[in-house]
Amino acid sequence: MKRTAVYALTTQGCRLGRKIADCLKADLYLPRELAETHGGTPFDRIVELVEETFPLYQNHVFVTAVAIAVRAIAPLLRSKVVDPAVVAMDHKGKHVVSVLSGHLGGANQLARELAAITSGVPVITTATDTEGLPAVDLLARQNGFSIGNPQAIKAVNKGILSGEPLQLYDPEKRLGETWGGIEWSPLKEEREWDPSKPSVWVTWKRVDSSPKRLLLHPPVLVAGIGCNRGTGSEEILALIESTFLHHCLSLSSLRCIATIEQKQGEEGIIRSARHLNVPLFFLESSRLREVEVPNPSATVKKHMGVHSVCEAAALLKAGAKTILVPKTRSRNATLAVALQC
C-alpha cells in the first residue's frame, strides 16, 4: 500500500498541494487543466478518482472544503479498524482538519504534521484529544497491538473520559500500568475481572468478546512451518487456523512465519504469509541444527539435513527455549508455535 495521496482543486490549492506532496514524498492528483502546470496526475472528477485511489493509500490529504472530502469518501467507508487516514484543509492551509481515522489511522498526528508544514492550526475533534487524554485505540496503535473487538473501544474511551480507573489484565506486563496518564486497576487473575466495568486485556489468547472488555493482541507468536514440496497454501493456512483455534490462540497475535532456507521458493508458504499479512523468514540450516526441540525427526534429518524444521524455526525466531504448541501435522505440512520472549 502506498503512503499518501494529495488532492487539490483550485490554483492556490494546487500550489499548496505541490508543497505538501514534496514534503511528504506523496502522490499529487490535480484537475486535468492544472495538472501539467503544477506537476500532478490529472483527473476529471474527484469522486471517481477517490473511488479508485481510496484503498491504495494509507493517508489521503484533501486541499479542499471538508464537505468535498466527505462526499468523496462516504460511500467507501468500512470501519475504523481498516479505513485510512483522511485530512482536509483550506487552500491556504490555515485550518487542517482530521476527518477520518484519527487514532488507528493516524489522521490526528498527520493533521499536526501538515499544520506544521502550512503554518496552520490542526483541528482535532476526538473527545480524548480535546480533553488532553490518551485514547485506547491510539495506545494499541503505538504499541503495535491488534484490536480484537473494535466495538469495545467506545466503552473504554468513555471510561477514560469519565476518569474511571480501567481494569487491566496484562499478566506478561507487555503494556505496563502507567501508560499516558491512564489510571489502571491491575488484575492479577482473570477471575478478578468485573464485566460491568471497562477493561483492557492484553493477551495472545482467543478470548470471548464482551461489550466493555477491549482485547489487545500483541504480535508475539511465531509459527514455524515445514512442508513437502509443492504443498498448497490452502493446506498450510488450514493447518495454521485449525491449530490456533484448537489451542485458543489469537491469529491477530501471529508475528511472523519461519521456515528453513531451502523453502525459499515454496509458493505455498509464501502465499500463506502474504494471506496472513505477516513477515516470512527463511532460516539457515546451520542455525536450526543448534536448536533443541521436543520432537526431532530422523526423516527430516535425512532429507533436510536438520533434525527439525517447524519446531526449530519457531523456537529460533521467537528466541524461546520451550515450545508453546509442539509439532502438529496435516497431510503435507507441519506447524509449531513459539511465544516470543
Protein backbone atom coordinates (compact mmCIF):
# COMPACT_ATOMS: atom_id res chain seq x y z
CA MET A 1 0.00 0.00 0.00
CA LYS A 2 1.27 3.45 -0.92
CA ARG A 3 1.65 6.04 1.81
CA THR A 4 -0.03 9.36 0.92
CA ALA A 5 -2.24 10.86 -1.79
CA VAL A 6 -2.84 14.61 -2.03
CA TYR A 7 -5.80 16.12 -3.89
CA ALA A 8 -6.40 19.77 -4.82
CA LEU A 9 -8.92 21.63 -6.98
CA THR A 10 -8.05 25.35 -7.19
CA THR A 11 -4.94 27.11 -8.45
CA GLN A 12 -3.94 28.13 -4.90
CA GLY A 13 -4.78 24.66 -3.68
CA CYS A 14 -2.56 23.14 -6.35
CA ARG A 15 0.40 25.24 -5.19
CA LEU A 16 -0.12 24.13 -1.59
CA GLY A 17 -0.73 20.55 -2.71
CA ARG A 18 2.58 20.59 -4.56
CA LYS A 19 4.38 21.82 -1.44
CA ILE A 20 2.77 19.12 0.72
CA ALA A 21 3.46 16.38 -1.81
CA ASP A 22 7.13 17.39 -1.95
CA CYS A 23 7.44 17.44 1.86
CA LEU A 24 5.72 14.07 2.33
CA LYS A 25 7.00 12.46 -0.88
CA ALA A 26 3.34 11.92 -1.74
CA ASP A 27 1.43 11.43 -4.99
CA LEU A 28 -0.36 14.59 -6.15
CA TYR A 29 -3.68 14.49 -8.03
CA LEU A 30 -4.90 17.66 -9.77
CA PRO A 31 -7.65 18.70 -12.20
CA ARG A 32 -6.65 17.99 -15.78
CA GLU A 33 -6.38 21.68 -16.71
CA LEU A 34 -3.96 22.36 -13.80
CA ALA A 35 -2.00 19.11 -13.61
CA GLU A 36 0.68 19.92 -16.18
CA THR A 37 1.45 23.33 -14.67
CA HIS A 38 1.89 22.01 -11.14
CA GLY A 39 3.24 18.56 -11.92
CA GLY A 40 0.41 16.32 -10.78
CA THR A 41 -1.50 13.32 -12.07
CA PRO A 42 -4.59 14.60 -13.91
CA PHE A 43 -8.19 13.69 -13.09
CA ASP A 44 -11.62 14.71 -14.37
CA ARG A 45 -13.96 14.04 -11.43
CA ILE A 46 -12.63 13.79 -7.89
CA VAL A 47 -15.36 11.41 -6.69
CA GLU A 48 -14.49 8.89 -9.41
CA LEU A 49 -10.78 9.30 -8.72
CA VAL A 50 -11.09 8.72 -4.96
CA GLU A 51 -13.20 5.63 -5.56
CA GLU A 52 -10.14 4.21 -7.31
CA THR A 53 -7.40 5.53 -5.02
CA PHE A 54 -9.02 5.16 -1.60
CA PRO A 55 -7.88 1.55 -0.94
CA LEU A 56 -4.41 2.21 -2.36
CA TYR A 57 -3.10 4.72 0.20
CA GLN A 58 -2.64 4.87 3.97
CA ASN A 59 -3.29 8.63 4.02
CA HIS A 60 -5.49 10.94 1.96
CA VAL A 61 -5.00 14.72 2.10
CA PHE A 62 -7.66 16.94 0.55
CA VAL A 63 -6.77 20.57 -0.12
CA THR A 64 -10.48 21.25 -0.44
CA ALA A 65 -13.51 22.03 1.65
CA VAL A 66 -14.26 19.31 4.20
CA ALA A 67 -17.62 18.70 2.52
CA ILE A 68 -15.92 17.75 -0.75
CA ALA A 69 -13.72 15.25 1.06
CA VAL A 70 -16.70 13.79 2.93
CA ARG A 71 -18.78 13.35 -0.22
CA ALA A 72 -15.86 11.67 -1.97
CA ILE A 73 -15.11 9.15 0.78
CA ALA A 74 -18.58 8.49 2.23
CA PRO A 75 -19.55 5.53 0.00
CA LEU A 76 -16.16 3.89 0.60
CA LEU A 77 -16.06 3.73 4.40
CA ARG A 78 -15.90 0.31 6.08
CA SER A 79 -14.76 0.53 9.71
CA LYS A 80 -12.41 2.48 11.95
CA VAL A 81 -10.07 -0.50 12.01
CA VAL A 82 -9.34 -0.57 8.27
CA ASP A 83 -10.25 2.89 6.94
CA PRO A 84 -7.25 5.07 6.01
CA ALA A 85 -6.48 8.47 7.48
CA VAL A 86 -8.24 11.43 5.86
CA VAL A 87 -7.30 15.07 6.43
CA ALA A 88 -8.80 18.16 4.76
CA MET A 89 -7.62 21.76 4.69
CA ASP A 90 -8.44 25.08 3.05
CA HIS A 91 -6.28 26.16 0.11
CA LYS A 92 -4.20 28.43 2.35
CA GLY A 93 -3.56 25.68 4.88
CA LYS A 94 -4.91 27.76 7.77
CA HIS A 95 -7.14 25.02 9.18
CA VAL A 96 -6.05 21.39 8.90
CA VAL A 97 -8.92 19.09 9.85
CA SER A 98 -8.60 15.47 10.93
CA VAL A 99 -11.64 13.94 9.20
CA LEU A 100 -11.34 10.16 9.48
CA SER A 101 -9.36 7.54 11.44
CA GLY A 102 -7.89 9.99 13.90
CA HIS A 103 -6.33 7.37 16.15
CA LEU A 104 -5.96 3.99 14.43
CA GLY A 105 -5.32 5.52 11.02
CA GLY A 106 -3.13 8.29 12.39
CA ALA A 107 -5.11 11.22 10.96
CA ASN A 108 -4.73 13.31 14.13
CA GLN A 109 -0.96 13.07 14.01
CA LEU A 110 -0.98 13.66 10.26
CA ALA A 111 -3.04 16.83 10.78
CA ARG A 112 -0.44 18.09 13.25
CA GLU A 113 2.39 17.35 10.81
CA LEU A 114 0.59 19.06 7.94
CA ALA A 115 -0.22 22.10 10.08
CA ALA A 116 3.49 22.44 10.81
CA ILE A 117 4.16 22.45 7.05
CA THR A 118 1.46 25.03 6.26
CA SER A 119 1.88 27.12 9.44
CA GLY A 120 -1.76 26.39 10.12
CA VAL A 121 -3.83 25.11 13.02
CA PRO A 122 -4.62 21.39 13.40
CA VAL A 123 -8.34 20.88 14.01
CA ILE A 124 -8.84 17.69 16.02
CA THR A 125 -12.25 16.86 17.43
CA THR A 126 -11.87 13.43 19.03
CA ALA A 127 -13.03 13.69 22.64
CA THR A 128 -9.93 12.25 24.30
CA ASP A 129 -7.65 14.63 22.39
CA THR A 130 -9.89 17.57 23.24
CA GLU A 131 -9.52 16.69 26.94
CA GLY A 132 -5.80 16.05 26.62
CA LEU A 133 -6.28 12.38 27.45
CA PRO A 134 -4.90 9.29 25.71
CA ALA A 135 -7.22 7.07 23.68
CA VAL A 136 -7.06 3.32 23.96
CA ASP A 137 -7.10 2.80 20.18
CA LEU A 138 -4.05 5.06 19.93
CA LEU A 139 -2.46 3.08 22.75
CA ALA A 140 -2.93 -0.08 20.68
CA ARG A 141 -1.52 1.51 17.54
CA GLN A 142 1.59 2.88 19.23
CA ASN A 143 2.36 -0.48 20.83
CA GLY A 144 1.79 -2.45 17.64
CA PHE A 145 -1.14 -4.38 19.13
CA SER A 146 -4.13 -5.59 17.12
CA ILE A 147 -7.60 -4.84 18.43
CA GLY A 148 -9.68 -7.98 18.76
CA ASN A 149 -13.07 -6.30 19.23
CA PRO A 150 -13.21 -2.70 17.99
CA GLN A 151 -16.80 -2.38 19.17
CA ALA A 152 -15.48 -2.12 22.76
CA ILE A 153 -13.32 0.95 22.02
CA LYS A 154 -16.19 3.34 22.68
CA ALA A 155 -16.93 1.96 26.17
CA VAL A 156 -13.27 2.00 27.20
CA ASN A 157 -12.61 5.51 25.89
CA LYS A 158 -15.76 6.64 27.68
CA GLY A 159 -14.27 5.26 30.89
CA ILE A 160 -11.08 7.23 30.28
CA LEU A 161 -13.06 10.43 29.72
CA SER A 162 -15.02 9.93 32.94
CA GLY A 163 -11.84 9.42 34.95
CA GLU A 164 -12.82 5.88 35.82
CA PRO A 165 -9.91 3.50 36.52
CA LEU A 166 -9.61 0.90 33.78
CA GLN A 167 -9.26 -2.72 34.73
CA LEU A 168 -6.08 -4.06 33.13
CA TYR A 169 -5.35 -7.74 32.67
CA ASP A 170 -1.80 -7.92 31.36
CA PRO A 171 -0.16 -10.94 33.02
CA GLU A 172 3.06 -10.65 30.99
CA LYS A 173 3.38 -6.87 31.54
CA ARG A 174 3.54 -6.22 27.80
CA LEU A 175 1.75 -2.89 28.15
CA GLY A 176 2.63 -1.80 31.65
CA GLU A 177 0.42 0.03 34.12
CA THR A 178 1.33 3.70 33.70
CA TRP A 179 0.76 4.46 30.02
CA GLY A 180 -0.02 8.04 29.05
CA GLY A 181 -1.87 9.15 32.17
CA ILE A 182 -4.48 6.39 32.17
CA GLU A 183 -5.38 5.25 35.67
CA TRP A 184 -5.20 1.46 35.72
CA SER A 185 -6.70 -1.03 38.11
CA PRO A 186 -4.48 -4.09 37.54
CA LEU A 187 -5.97 -7.58 37.69
CA LYS A 188 -3.74 -10.36 38.96
CA GLU A 189 -6.10 -13.12 37.87
CA GLU A 190 -8.85 -13.47 35.29
CA ARG A 191 -11.44 -14.22 37.97
CA GLU A 192 -10.99 -10.70 39.41
CA TRP A 193 -12.50 -9.17 36.26
CA ASP A 194 -15.76 -7.24 36.66
CA PRO A 195 -17.58 -7.29 33.28
CA SER A 196 -19.73 -4.31 34.30
CA LYS A 197 -16.70 -2.01 34.25
CA PRO A 198 -14.45 -1.05 31.33
CA SER A 199 -11.30 -3.10 30.98
CA VAL A 200 -8.35 -3.79 28.72
CA TRP A 201 -6.97 -7.29 28.25
CA VAL A 202 -3.54 -7.74 26.70
CA THR A 203 -3.43 -11.32 25.54
CA TRP A 204 -2.28 -13.59 22.73
CA LYS A 205 -5.12 -15.99 23.51
CA ARG A 206 -8.58 -16.22 21.99
CA VAL A 207 -10.97 -14.62 24.47
CA ASP A 208 -14.72 -14.20 24.24
CA SER A 209 -15.85 -10.71 23.33
CA SER A 210 -17.58 -8.54 25.92
CA PRO A 211 -19.08 -5.04 25.48
CA LYS A 212 -16.72 -3.35 27.96
CA ARG A 213 -13.66 -5.56 27.62
CA LEU A 214 -11.24 -4.43 24.92
CA LEU A 215 -8.92 -7.16 23.68
CA LEU A 216 -5.43 -6.09 22.62
CA HIS A 217 -3.37 -8.77 20.90
CA PRO A 218 0.42 -8.26 20.96
CA PRO A 219 2.32 -9.74 17.99
CA VAL A 220 4.25 -12.37 19.94
CA LEU A 221 3.50 -15.76 18.33
CA VAL A 222 5.89 -17.29 15.81
CA ALA A 223 4.67 -20.07 13.52
CA GLY A 224 7.34 -22.50 12.35
CA ILE A 225 6.36 -24.25 9.13
CA GLY A 226 7.65 -27.30 7.32
CA CYS A 227 6.09 -28.90 4.27
CA ASN A 228 6.52 -31.27 1.37
CA ARG A 229 7.48 -29.74 -1.93
CA GLY A 230 4.51 -28.23 -3.75
CA THR A 231 2.18 -28.08 -0.76
CA GLY A 232 -0.58 -25.55 -1.45
CA SER A 233 -1.29 -22.51 0.66
CA GLU A 234 -4.82 -23.79 1.29
CA GLU A 235 -3.49 -26.75 3.28
CA ILE A 236 -0.93 -24.66 5.15
CA LEU A 237 -3.47 -21.97 6.06
CA ALA A 238 -5.99 -24.59 7.16
CA LEU A 239 -3.36 -26.14 9.44
CA ILE A 240 -2.47 -22.77 10.97
CA GLU A 241 -6.08 -21.73 11.50
CA SER A 242 -7.22 -25.06 12.96
CA THR A 243 -4.21 -25.26 15.28
CA PHE A 244 -4.69 -21.74 16.58
CA LEU A 245 -8.38 -22.43 17.11
CA HIS A 246 -7.73 -25.72 18.91
CA HIS A 247 -5.18 -24.14 21.26
CA CYS A 248 -7.20 -20.94 21.82
CA LEU A 249 -4.55 -18.73 20.22
CA SER A 250 -5.37 -15.46 18.50
CA LEU A 251 -4.30 -15.20 14.88
CA SER A 252 -4.06 -11.46 15.50
CA SER A 253 -1.02 -12.21 17.69
CA LEU A 254 0.83 -14.02 14.90
CA ARG A 255 4.07 -12.10 14.49
CA CYS A 256 5.66 -14.00 11.62
CA ILE A 257 6.21 -17.32 9.89
CA ALA A 258 9.61 -19.01 9.91
CA THR A 259 10.95 -21.96 7.94
CA ILE A 260 14.19 -23.40 6.62
CA GLU A 261 16.21 -21.63 3.91
CA GLN A 262 15.66 -24.49 1.44
CA LYS A 263 11.98 -23.46 1.24
CA GLN A 264 12.65 -20.03 -0.28
CA GLY A 265 10.87 -20.99 -3.49
CA GLU A 266 7.93 -22.74 -1.81
CA GLU A 267 4.89 -20.84 -3.11
CA GLY A 268 2.51 -22.38 -0.57
CA ILE A 269 4.44 -20.90 2.36
CA ILE A 270 5.00 -17.58 0.59
CA ARG A 271 1.31 -17.20 -0.22
CA SER A 272 0.28 -18.18 3.30
CA ALA A 273 2.42 -15.43 4.81
CA ARG A 274 1.05 -12.95 2.29
CA HIS A 275 -2.53 -14.00 3.07
CA LEU A 276 -1.95 -13.56 6.81
CA ASN A 277 -0.08 -10.29 6.20
CA VAL A 278 2.93 -11.31 8.29
CA PRO A 279 6.66 -11.40 7.51
CA LEU A 280 8.24 -14.65 6.34
CA PHE A 281 11.75 -15.64 7.43
CA PHE A 282 13.99 -18.30 5.90
CA LEU A 283 16.48 -19.54 8.48
CA GLU A 284 19.88 -21.08 7.89
CA SER A 285 20.19 -24.83 8.34
CA SER A 286 23.32 -24.38 10.44
CA ARG A 287 21.38 -22.33 12.99
CA LEU A 288 18.42 -24.73 13.09
CA ARG A 289 20.76 -27.64 13.87
CA GLU A 290 21.75 -25.94 17.11
CA VAL A 291 18.18 -25.73 18.45
CA GLU A 292 16.99 -28.39 20.88
CA VAL A 293 13.45 -29.50 20.07
CA PRO A 294 10.96 -31.82 21.78
CA ASN A 295 10.24 -33.85 18.63
CA PRO A 296 13.35 -34.42 16.50
CA SER A 297 12.81 -36.40 13.29
CA ALA A 298 15.19 -38.82 11.59
CA THR A 299 13.22 -38.42 8.36
CA VAL A 300 13.63 -34.65 8.38
CA LYS A 301 17.31 -35.13 9.18
CA LYS A 302 17.69 -37.43 6.17
CA HIS A 303 16.00 -35.09 3.68
CA MET A 304 16.77 -31.61 5.03
CA GLY A 305 19.98 -32.10 6.99
CA VAL A 306 18.41 -30.89 10.25
CA HIS A 307 16.54 -32.79 12.95
CA SER A 308 13.63 -30.32 12.93
CA VAL A 309 12.17 -27.60 10.73
CA CYS A 310 8.92 -26.34 12.24
CA GLU A 311 9.81 -26.58 15.95
CA ALA A 312 13.39 -25.39 15.46
CA ALA A 313 12.30 -22.48 13.25
CA ALA A 314 9.62 -21.37 15.72
CA LEU A 315 11.96 -21.52 18.71
CA LEU A 316 14.86 -19.85 16.95
CA LYS A 317 12.86 -16.95 15.55
CA ALA A 318 11.00 -16.42 18.83
CA GLY A 319 14.17 -16.55 20.90
CA ALA A 320 12.41 -19.09 23.11
CA LYS A 321 13.61 -22.19 24.94
CA THR A 322 10.30 -24.02 25.18
CA ILE A 323 7.67 -24.64 22.55
CA LEU A 324 4.11 -23.37 23.03
CA VAL A 325 2.46 -25.72 20.53
CA PRO A 326 4.56 -28.75 19.56
CA LYS A 327 4.72 -30.15 16.05
CA THR A 328 1.27 -30.57 14.54
CA ARG A 329 0.71 -32.26 11.20
CA SER A 330 -1.54 -32.18 8.20
CA ARG A 331 -1.03 -34.50 5.24
CA ASN A 332 1.83 -32.48 3.76
CA ALA A 333 2.74 -29.81 6.30
CA THR A 334 3.91 -29.40 9.88
CA LEU A 335 3.41 -26.48 12.25
CA ALA A 336 4.79 -25.48 15.64
CA VAL A 337 4.19 -22.27 17.59
CA ALA A 338 6.54 -20.48 19.98
CA LEU A 339 5.98 -17.46 22.21
CA GLN A 340 8.41 -14.61 21.69
CA CYS A 341 10.40 -13.84 24.80
